């Protein structure tokens, strides 16, 4: 079970949705759940999850270092060419409103999965943006990307 914020409750999907955000839910409303009721899935094929690693333990802010799950391992996104358009896509993808800032939130660990991300700002997910191939980068964790969303 988790230990931070519970973002969604009473999620109802038909199975035809392309993303979880298209399902009916009580996002943003008071949620009557506890972490013993956390949901999980096991996927086949390629799957990618994004989240923001915040600096406020247990905080419910849409702010933090951008991380992605790829090949069963969490990793970061390098901030080379990271700008407001890239951050805007992350905020929208996570249902966190609009971008406020794209600051640095400290060093991550494990892999650096994405580098030279170049979004127009219109994409629905970061995966639709141009970037180097997965795991190909010329940076270190001192260059991990972050966002602050509204």
N, C-alpha and C. Protein backbone atom coordinates (compact mmCIF):
# COMPACT_ATOMS: atom_id res chain seq x y z
N UNK A 1 0.84 -1.19 0.00
CA UNK A 1 0.00 0.00 0.00
C UNK A 1 0.87 1.24 0.00
N UNK A 2 0.31 2.32 -0.50
CA UNK A 2 1.04 3.58 -0.61
C UNK A 2 1.10 4.34 0.69
N UNK A 3 1.74 5.52 0.64
CA UNK A 3 1.87 6.33 1.84
C UNK A 3 1.66 7.82 1.56
N UNK A 4 1.55 8.21 0.31
CA UNK A 4 1.38 9.62 -0.02
C UNK A 4 -0.07 9.92 -0.35
N UNK A 5 -0.29 10.85 -1.23
CA UNK A 5 -1.63 11.30 -1.59
C UNK A 5 -2.41 10.22 -2.33
N UNK A 6 -3.70 10.21 -2.13
CA UNK A 6 -4.61 9.38 -2.92
C UNK A 6 -5.25 10.34 -3.91
N UNK A 7 -4.96 10.15 -5.19
CA UNK A 7 -5.38 11.10 -6.22
C UNK A 7 -6.73 10.78 -6.83
N UNK A 8 -7.09 9.51 -6.92
CA UNK A 8 -8.33 9.13 -7.58
C UNK A 8 -9.14 8.21 -6.68
N UNK A 9 -10.45 8.34 -6.76
CA UNK A 9 -11.35 7.44 -6.05
C UNK A 9 -12.53 7.11 -6.94
N UNK A 10 -13.16 5.98 -6.67
CA UNK A 10 -14.35 5.57 -7.41
C UNK A 10 -14.13 5.63 -8.93
N UNK A 11 -13.02 5.05 -9.39
CA UNK A 11 -12.69 5.06 -10.82
C UNK A 11 -13.59 4.06 -11.54
N UNK A 12 -14.21 4.51 -12.63
CA UNK A 12 -15.08 3.66 -13.44
C UNK A 12 -14.67 3.77 -14.90
N UNK A 13 -14.19 2.66 -15.46
CA UNK A 13 -13.78 2.62 -16.87
C UNK A 13 -14.67 1.63 -17.62
N UNK A 14 -14.85 1.88 -18.90
CA UNK A 14 -15.61 0.95 -19.74
C UNK A 14 -14.70 -0.06 -20.42
N UNK A 15 -13.41 0.28 -20.52
CA UNK A 15 -12.45 -0.55 -21.22
C UNK A 15 -12.09 0.01 -22.58
N UNK A 16 -12.84 1.00 -23.05
CA UNK A 16 -12.57 1.60 -24.34
C UNK A 16 -11.67 2.83 -24.23
N UNK A 17 -11.38 3.26 -23.02
CA UNK A 17 -10.57 4.46 -22.81
C UNK A 17 -9.11 4.20 -23.19
N UNK A 18 -8.45 5.24 -23.74
CA UNK A 18 -7.05 5.12 -24.09
C UNK A 18 -6.16 5.39 -22.89
N UNK A 19 -6.62 6.17 -21.93
CA UNK A 19 -5.85 6.50 -20.74
C UNK A 19 -6.76 6.49 -19.52
N UNK A 20 -6.17 6.33 -18.36
CA UNK A 20 -6.92 6.32 -17.11
C UNK A 20 -7.64 7.64 -16.88
N UNK A 21 -7.08 8.73 -17.36
CA UNK A 21 -7.71 10.04 -17.17
C UNK A 21 -9.03 10.17 -17.92
N UNK A 22 -9.31 9.28 -18.87
CA UNK A 22 -10.57 9.31 -19.60
C UNK A 22 -11.69 8.58 -18.85
N UNK A 23 -11.36 7.85 -17.80
CA UNK A 23 -12.35 7.14 -17.01
C UNK A 23 -13.05 8.10 -16.05
N UNK A 24 -14.26 7.79 -15.68
CA UNK A 24 -14.97 8.59 -14.66
C UNK A 24 -14.30 8.33 -13.32
N UNK A 25 -14.13 9.41 -12.53
CA UNK A 25 -13.52 9.26 -11.21
C UNK A 25 -13.86 10.48 -10.38
N UNK A 26 -13.43 10.43 -9.14
CA UNK A 26 -13.64 11.55 -8.23
C UNK A 26 -12.33 12.28 -7.98
N UNK A 27 -11.61 12.61 -9.04
CA UNK A 27 -10.35 13.35 -8.91
C UNK A 27 -10.66 14.78 -8.48
N UNK A 28 -9.95 15.25 -7.47
CA UNK A 28 -10.14 16.62 -6.99
C UNK A 28 -11.24 16.76 -5.97
N UNK A 29 -12.05 15.73 -5.81
CA UNK A 29 -13.10 15.75 -4.79
C UNK A 29 -12.58 15.04 -3.55
N UNK A 30 -13.22 15.26 -2.41
CA UNK A 30 -12.81 14.49 -1.22
C UNK A 30 -12.93 12.99 -1.50
N UNK A 31 -11.89 12.27 -1.17
CA UNK A 31 -11.85 10.83 -1.47
C UNK A 31 -11.93 10.06 -0.17
N UNK A 32 -12.88 9.14 -0.10
CA UNK A 32 -13.13 8.35 1.09
C UNK A 32 -12.45 6.99 0.95
N UNK A 33 -11.12 7.00 0.91
CA UNK A 33 -10.34 5.77 0.76
C UNK A 33 -9.17 5.79 1.73
N UNK A 34 -8.62 4.62 1.99
CA UNK A 34 -7.39 4.49 2.76
C UNK A 34 -6.40 3.72 1.90
N UNK A 35 -5.12 3.76 2.28
CA UNK A 35 -4.11 3.09 1.46
C UNK A 35 -4.25 1.58 1.41
N UNK A 36 -4.98 0.99 2.29
CA UNK A 36 -5.25 -0.44 2.21
C UNK A 36 -6.15 -0.79 1.04
N UNK A 37 -6.73 0.24 0.41
CA UNK A 37 -7.61 0.05 -0.75
C UNK A 37 -6.94 0.46 -2.06
N UNK A 38 -5.61 0.69 -2.05
CA UNK A 38 -4.90 1.09 -3.26
C UNK A 38 -5.07 0.03 -4.35
N UNK A 39 -5.27 0.49 -5.58
CA UNK A 39 -5.44 -0.42 -6.72
C UNK A 39 -4.10 -0.62 -7.42
N UNK A 40 -3.96 -1.71 -8.11
CA UNK A 40 -2.75 -1.99 -8.88
C UNK A 40 -3.09 -2.75 -10.14
N UNK A 41 -2.15 -2.80 -11.05
CA UNK A 41 -2.33 -3.55 -12.29
C UNK A 41 -1.03 -4.25 -12.66
N UNK A 42 -1.13 -5.29 -13.43
CA UNK A 42 0.01 -5.94 -14.05
C UNK A 42 -0.23 -5.87 -15.54
N UNK A 43 0.71 -5.25 -16.26
CA UNK A 43 0.54 -5.02 -17.70
C UNK A 43 1.44 -5.95 -18.49
N UNK A 44 1.05 -6.21 -19.72
CA UNK A 44 1.94 -6.91 -20.64
C UNK A 44 2.37 -5.92 -21.70
N UNK A 45 3.47 -6.19 -22.35
CA UNK A 45 3.95 -5.29 -23.38
C UNK A 45 4.67 -4.09 -22.79
N UNK A 46 4.80 -3.02 -23.59
CA UNK A 46 5.47 -1.81 -23.15
C UNK A 46 4.50 -0.93 -22.39
N UNK A 47 4.92 -0.43 -21.26
CA UNK A 47 4.10 0.49 -20.49
C UNK A 47 5.00 1.51 -19.84
N UNK A 48 4.45 2.69 -19.62
CA UNK A 48 5.22 3.79 -19.08
C UNK A 48 4.34 4.53 -18.08
N UNK A 49 4.87 4.77 -16.90
CA UNK A 49 4.17 5.55 -15.90
C UNK A 49 5.04 6.75 -15.56
N UNK A 50 4.41 7.89 -15.39
CA UNK A 50 5.11 9.10 -15.02
C UNK A 50 4.63 9.55 -13.66
N UNK A 51 5.53 10.13 -12.88
CA UNK A 51 5.11 10.76 -11.64
C UNK A 51 6.10 11.84 -11.28
N UNK A 52 5.71 12.66 -10.31
CA UNK A 52 6.58 13.73 -9.84
C UNK A 52 7.08 13.36 -8.46
N UNK A 53 8.39 13.27 -8.32
CA UNK A 53 9.01 12.97 -7.03
C UNK A 53 9.17 14.29 -6.30
N UNK A 54 8.24 14.58 -5.37
CA UNK A 54 8.22 15.87 -4.68
C UNK A 54 9.27 15.99 -3.60
N UNK A 55 9.47 17.22 -3.16
CA UNK A 55 10.44 17.48 -2.10
C UNK A 55 9.77 17.61 -0.74
N UNK A 56 8.44 17.56 -0.72
CA UNK A 56 7.71 17.68 0.53
C UNK A 56 7.15 16.31 0.87
N UNK A 57 7.74 15.59 1.84
CA UNK A 57 7.28 14.24 2.14
C UNK A 57 5.79 14.23 2.47
N UNK A 58 5.05 13.36 1.80
CA UNK A 58 3.62 13.24 2.04
C UNK A 58 2.82 14.38 1.45
N UNK A 59 3.48 15.31 0.78
CA UNK A 59 2.77 16.46 0.22
C UNK A 59 1.91 16.06 -0.95
N UNK A 60 0.87 16.83 -1.19
CA UNK A 60 -0.04 16.56 -2.29
C UNK A 60 0.11 17.59 -3.38
N UNK A 61 1.26 18.14 -3.52
CA UNK A 61 1.49 19.15 -4.54
C UNK A 61 1.82 18.50 -5.86
N UNK A 62 1.42 19.14 -6.92
CA UNK A 62 1.80 18.69 -8.26
C UNK A 62 3.12 19.37 -8.59
N UNK A 63 4.14 18.96 -7.92
CA UNK A 63 5.46 19.55 -8.11
C UNK A 63 6.52 18.52 -7.77
N UNK A 64 7.59 18.50 -8.54
CA UNK A 64 8.69 17.60 -8.21
C UNK A 64 9.53 17.23 -9.41
N UNK A 65 10.45 16.31 -9.18
CA UNK A 65 11.33 15.80 -10.24
C UNK A 65 10.51 14.85 -11.11
N UNK A 66 10.65 14.96 -12.42
CA UNK A 66 9.91 14.11 -13.35
C UNK A 66 10.59 12.75 -13.43
N UNK A 67 9.82 11.69 -13.18
CA UNK A 67 10.37 10.34 -13.27
C UNK A 67 9.43 9.48 -14.10
N UNK A 68 10.00 8.47 -14.73
CA UNK A 68 9.24 7.59 -15.61
C UNK A 68 9.63 6.14 -15.34
N UNK A 69 8.64 5.26 -15.39
CA UNK A 69 8.88 3.82 -15.25
C UNK A 69 8.99 3.22 -16.64
N UNK A 70 10.14 2.65 -16.94
CA UNK A 70 10.42 2.04 -18.24
C UNK A 70 11.20 0.76 -17.99
N UNK A 71 10.76 -0.33 -18.60
CA UNK A 71 11.42 -1.63 -18.40
C UNK A 71 11.54 -2.00 -16.92
N UNK A 72 10.48 -1.75 -16.18
CA UNK A 72 10.38 -2.11 -14.76
C UNK A 72 11.34 -1.34 -13.87
N UNK A 73 11.88 -0.21 -14.34
CA UNK A 73 12.82 0.57 -13.53
C UNK A 73 12.47 2.05 -13.64
N UNK A 74 12.41 2.71 -12.47
CA UNK A 74 12.18 4.14 -12.45
C UNK A 74 13.46 4.87 -12.86
N UNK A 75 13.30 5.94 -13.60
CA UNK A 75 14.42 6.76 -14.01
C UNK A 75 13.97 8.19 -14.22
N UNK A 76 14.92 9.05 -14.53
CA UNK A 76 14.63 10.46 -14.62
C UNK A 76 14.65 10.96 -16.07
N UNK A 77 14.32 12.23 -16.21
CA UNK A 77 14.35 12.91 -17.49
C UNK A 77 15.40 14.01 -17.38
N UNK A 78 16.34 14.07 -18.31
CA UNK A 78 17.39 15.08 -18.29
C UNK A 78 16.81 16.43 -18.71
N UNK A 79 17.33 17.51 -18.11
CA UNK A 79 16.79 18.84 -18.41
C UNK A 79 17.44 19.53 -19.60
N UNK A 80 18.26 18.82 -20.39
CA UNK A 80 18.81 19.41 -21.61
C UNK A 80 17.64 19.81 -22.51
N UNK A 81 17.56 21.05 -22.85
CA UNK A 81 16.49 21.65 -23.66
C UNK A 81 15.11 21.57 -23.00
N UNK A 82 15.05 21.24 -21.71
CA UNK A 82 13.78 21.19 -20.97
C UNK A 82 13.25 22.61 -20.83
N UNK A 83 11.99 22.80 -21.22
CA UNK A 83 11.42 24.14 -21.14
C UNK A 83 9.96 24.08 -20.72
N UNK A 84 9.30 25.23 -20.78
CA UNK A 84 7.92 25.33 -20.32
C UNK A 84 6.96 24.45 -21.13
N UNK A 85 7.22 24.28 -22.42
CA UNK A 85 6.35 23.43 -23.25
C UNK A 85 6.43 21.97 -22.79
N UNK A 86 7.65 21.51 -22.48
CA UNK A 86 7.83 20.13 -21.99
C UNK A 86 7.12 19.95 -20.65
N UNK A 87 7.34 20.91 -19.75
CA UNK A 87 6.72 20.84 -18.42
C UNK A 87 5.20 20.91 -18.52
N UNK A 88 4.67 21.69 -19.47
CA UNK A 88 3.22 21.80 -19.64
C UNK A 88 2.60 20.45 -19.99
N UNK A 89 3.30 19.68 -20.82
CA UNK A 89 2.80 18.36 -21.20
C UNK A 89 2.74 17.44 -19.98
N UNK A 90 3.78 17.47 -19.14
CA UNK A 90 3.79 16.64 -17.93
C UNK A 90 2.64 17.04 -17.01
N UNK A 91 2.44 18.32 -16.79
CA UNK A 91 1.35 18.78 -15.92
C UNK A 91 0.00 18.30 -16.45
N UNK A 92 -0.23 18.44 -17.75
CA UNK A 92 -1.49 18.00 -18.35
C UNK A 92 -1.64 16.49 -18.25
N UNK A 93 -0.55 15.75 -18.54
CA UNK A 93 -0.60 14.29 -18.51
C UNK A 93 -0.98 13.77 -17.12
N UNK A 94 -0.48 14.43 -16.09
CA UNK A 94 -0.74 13.98 -14.72
C UNK A 94 -2.00 14.60 -14.13
N UNK A 95 -2.73 15.38 -14.90
CA UNK A 95 -3.94 16.00 -14.39
C UNK A 95 -3.66 17.06 -13.34
N UNK A 96 -2.55 17.75 -13.48
CA UNK A 96 -2.11 18.72 -12.48
C UNK A 96 -2.24 20.17 -12.93
N UNK A 97 -3.11 20.46 -13.88
CA UNK A 97 -3.32 21.84 -14.29
C UNK A 97 -2.27 22.31 -15.27
N UNK A 98 -1.90 23.58 -15.11
CA UNK A 98 -0.94 24.19 -16.03
C UNK A 98 0.42 24.35 -15.37
N UNK A 99 1.45 24.54 -16.20
CA UNK A 99 2.80 24.69 -15.67
C UNK A 99 2.96 26.07 -15.05
N UNK A 100 3.67 26.11 -13.92
CA UNK A 100 4.02 27.36 -13.25
C UNK A 100 5.51 27.61 -13.43
N UNK A 101 6.32 26.59 -13.15
CA UNK A 101 7.78 26.67 -13.27
C UNK A 101 8.32 25.32 -13.73
N UNK A 102 9.56 25.33 -14.18
CA UNK A 102 10.26 24.09 -14.52
C UNK A 102 11.60 24.09 -13.78
N UNK A 103 11.60 24.04 -12.44
CA UNK A 103 12.83 24.14 -11.65
C UNK A 103 13.51 22.79 -11.44
N UNK A 104 14.62 22.81 -10.69
CA UNK A 104 15.36 21.59 -10.34
C UNK A 104 14.93 21.14 -8.95
N UNK A 105 14.67 19.85 -8.77
CA UNK A 105 14.23 19.30 -7.50
C UNK A 105 15.21 18.31 -6.90
N UNK A 106 16.44 18.39 -7.27
CA UNK A 106 17.42 17.47 -6.70
C UNK A 106 17.70 16.29 -7.61
N UNK A 107 18.72 15.55 -7.23
CA UNK A 107 19.18 14.43 -8.05
C UNK A 107 18.34 13.18 -7.84
N UNK A 108 18.05 12.52 -8.95
CA UNK A 108 17.38 11.24 -8.90
C UNK A 108 18.40 10.12 -8.82
N UNK A 109 17.92 8.91 -8.99
CA UNK A 109 18.77 7.72 -8.92
C UNK A 109 18.41 6.82 -10.10
N UNK A 110 19.10 5.76 -10.23
CA UNK A 110 18.85 4.78 -11.29
C UNK A 110 19.13 5.38 -12.66
N UNK A 111 18.35 4.96 -13.64
CA UNK A 111 18.61 5.33 -15.03
C UNK A 111 18.21 6.78 -15.32
N UNK A 112 18.80 7.33 -16.36
CA UNK A 112 18.30 8.56 -16.96
C UNK A 112 17.67 8.09 -18.26
N UNK A 113 16.34 8.11 -18.31
CA UNK A 113 15.64 7.50 -19.43
C UNK A 113 15.48 8.41 -20.64
N UNK A 114 15.21 9.70 -20.40
CA UNK A 114 14.94 10.59 -21.53
C UNK A 114 15.86 11.80 -21.51
N UNK A 115 16.26 12.26 -22.69
CA UNK A 115 17.11 13.44 -22.82
C UNK A 115 16.70 14.17 -24.10
N UNK A 116 17.00 15.46 -24.11
CA UNK A 116 16.68 16.32 -25.26
C UNK A 116 15.20 16.21 -25.64
N UNK A 117 14.35 16.21 -24.62
CA UNK A 117 12.91 16.18 -24.86
C UNK A 117 12.52 17.50 -25.53
N UNK A 118 11.71 17.41 -26.57
CA UNK A 118 11.30 18.61 -27.30
C UNK A 118 9.82 18.52 -27.63
N UNK A 119 9.00 19.12 -26.77
CA UNK A 119 7.55 19.13 -26.96
C UNK A 119 7.12 20.47 -27.56
N UNK A 120 6.02 20.46 -28.27
CA UNK A 120 5.44 21.70 -28.75
C UNK A 120 4.55 22.33 -27.68
N UNK A 121 4.14 21.51 -26.70
CA UNK A 121 3.21 21.96 -25.67
C UNK A 121 1.80 21.51 -25.93
N UNK A 122 1.54 20.95 -27.10
CA UNK A 122 0.19 20.50 -27.49
C UNK A 122 -0.01 19.00 -27.27
N UNK A 123 1.06 18.27 -27.00
CA UNK A 123 0.98 16.80 -26.86
C UNK A 123 0.18 16.43 -25.60
N UNK A 124 -0.44 15.25 -25.63
CA UNK A 124 -1.17 14.73 -24.47
C UNK A 124 -0.25 14.05 -23.48
N UNK A 125 0.84 13.46 -23.96
CA UNK A 125 1.78 12.77 -23.07
C UNK A 125 3.20 13.08 -23.51
N UNK A 126 4.13 12.92 -22.58
CA UNK A 126 5.54 13.16 -22.87
C UNK A 126 6.06 12.19 -23.92
N UNK A 127 5.44 11.02 -24.04
CA UNK A 127 5.88 10.02 -25.01
C UNK A 127 5.63 10.47 -26.45
N UNK A 128 4.76 11.46 -26.65
CA UNK A 128 4.49 11.98 -27.99
C UNK A 128 5.51 13.03 -28.42
N UNK A 129 6.35 13.48 -27.50
CA UNK A 129 7.34 14.51 -27.80
C UNK A 129 8.59 13.87 -28.43
N UNK A 130 9.31 14.66 -29.20
CA UNK A 130 10.58 14.19 -29.73
C UNK A 130 11.59 14.08 -28.59
N UNK A 131 12.47 13.11 -28.66
CA UNK A 131 13.52 12.91 -27.65
C UNK A 131 14.54 11.93 -28.21
N UNK A 132 15.69 11.86 -27.53
CA UNK A 132 16.67 10.82 -27.89
C UNK A 132 16.06 9.46 -27.61
N UNK A 133 16.63 8.39 -28.16
CA UNK A 133 16.14 7.05 -27.84
C UNK A 133 16.24 6.77 -26.33
N UNK A 134 15.37 5.92 -25.84
CA UNK A 134 15.34 5.57 -24.41
C UNK A 134 16.73 5.20 -23.91
N UNK A 135 17.15 5.84 -22.81
CA UNK A 135 18.41 5.54 -22.17
C UNK A 135 19.63 6.19 -22.80
N UNK A 136 19.46 6.89 -23.91
CA UNK A 136 20.58 7.57 -24.57
C UNK A 136 20.60 9.02 -24.09
N UNK A 137 21.69 9.42 -23.46
CA UNK A 137 21.76 10.77 -22.89
C UNK A 137 23.21 11.21 -22.77
N UNK A 138 23.40 12.51 -22.54
CA UNK A 138 24.73 13.06 -22.29
C UNK A 138 24.68 13.95 -21.05
N UNK A 139 24.05 13.46 -20.00
CA UNK A 139 23.90 14.26 -18.78
C UNK A 139 24.06 13.36 -17.55
N UNK A 140 24.04 14.00 -16.39
CA UNK A 140 24.06 13.26 -15.13
C UNK A 140 22.87 13.69 -14.29
N UNK A 141 22.73 13.12 -13.10
CA UNK A 141 21.55 13.41 -12.28
C UNK A 141 21.51 14.83 -11.74
N UNK A 142 22.58 15.59 -11.91
CA UNK A 142 22.54 17.00 -11.56
C UNK A 142 21.71 17.81 -12.56
N UNK A 143 21.23 17.14 -13.61
CA UNK A 143 20.44 17.79 -14.64
C UNK A 143 19.04 17.20 -14.76
N UNK A 144 18.53 16.59 -13.69
CA UNK A 144 17.19 16.00 -13.74
C UNK A 144 16.13 17.08 -13.82
N UNK A 145 15.14 16.85 -14.70
CA UNK A 145 14.07 17.82 -14.95
C UNK A 145 13.04 17.80 -13.84
N UNK A 146 12.43 18.94 -13.63
CA UNK A 146 11.35 19.06 -12.64
C UNK A 146 10.26 20.00 -13.14
N UNK A 147 9.11 19.97 -12.46
CA UNK A 147 8.01 20.87 -12.79
C UNK A 147 7.27 21.29 -11.53
N UNK A 148 6.67 22.46 -11.61
CA UNK A 148 5.68 22.91 -10.62
C UNK A 148 4.43 23.23 -11.41
N UNK A 149 3.34 22.55 -11.09
CA UNK A 149 2.08 22.73 -11.80
C UNK A 149 1.08 23.45 -10.88
N UNK A 150 0.08 24.04 -11.52
CA UNK A 150 -0.94 24.76 -10.75
C UNK A 150 -1.90 23.80 -10.05
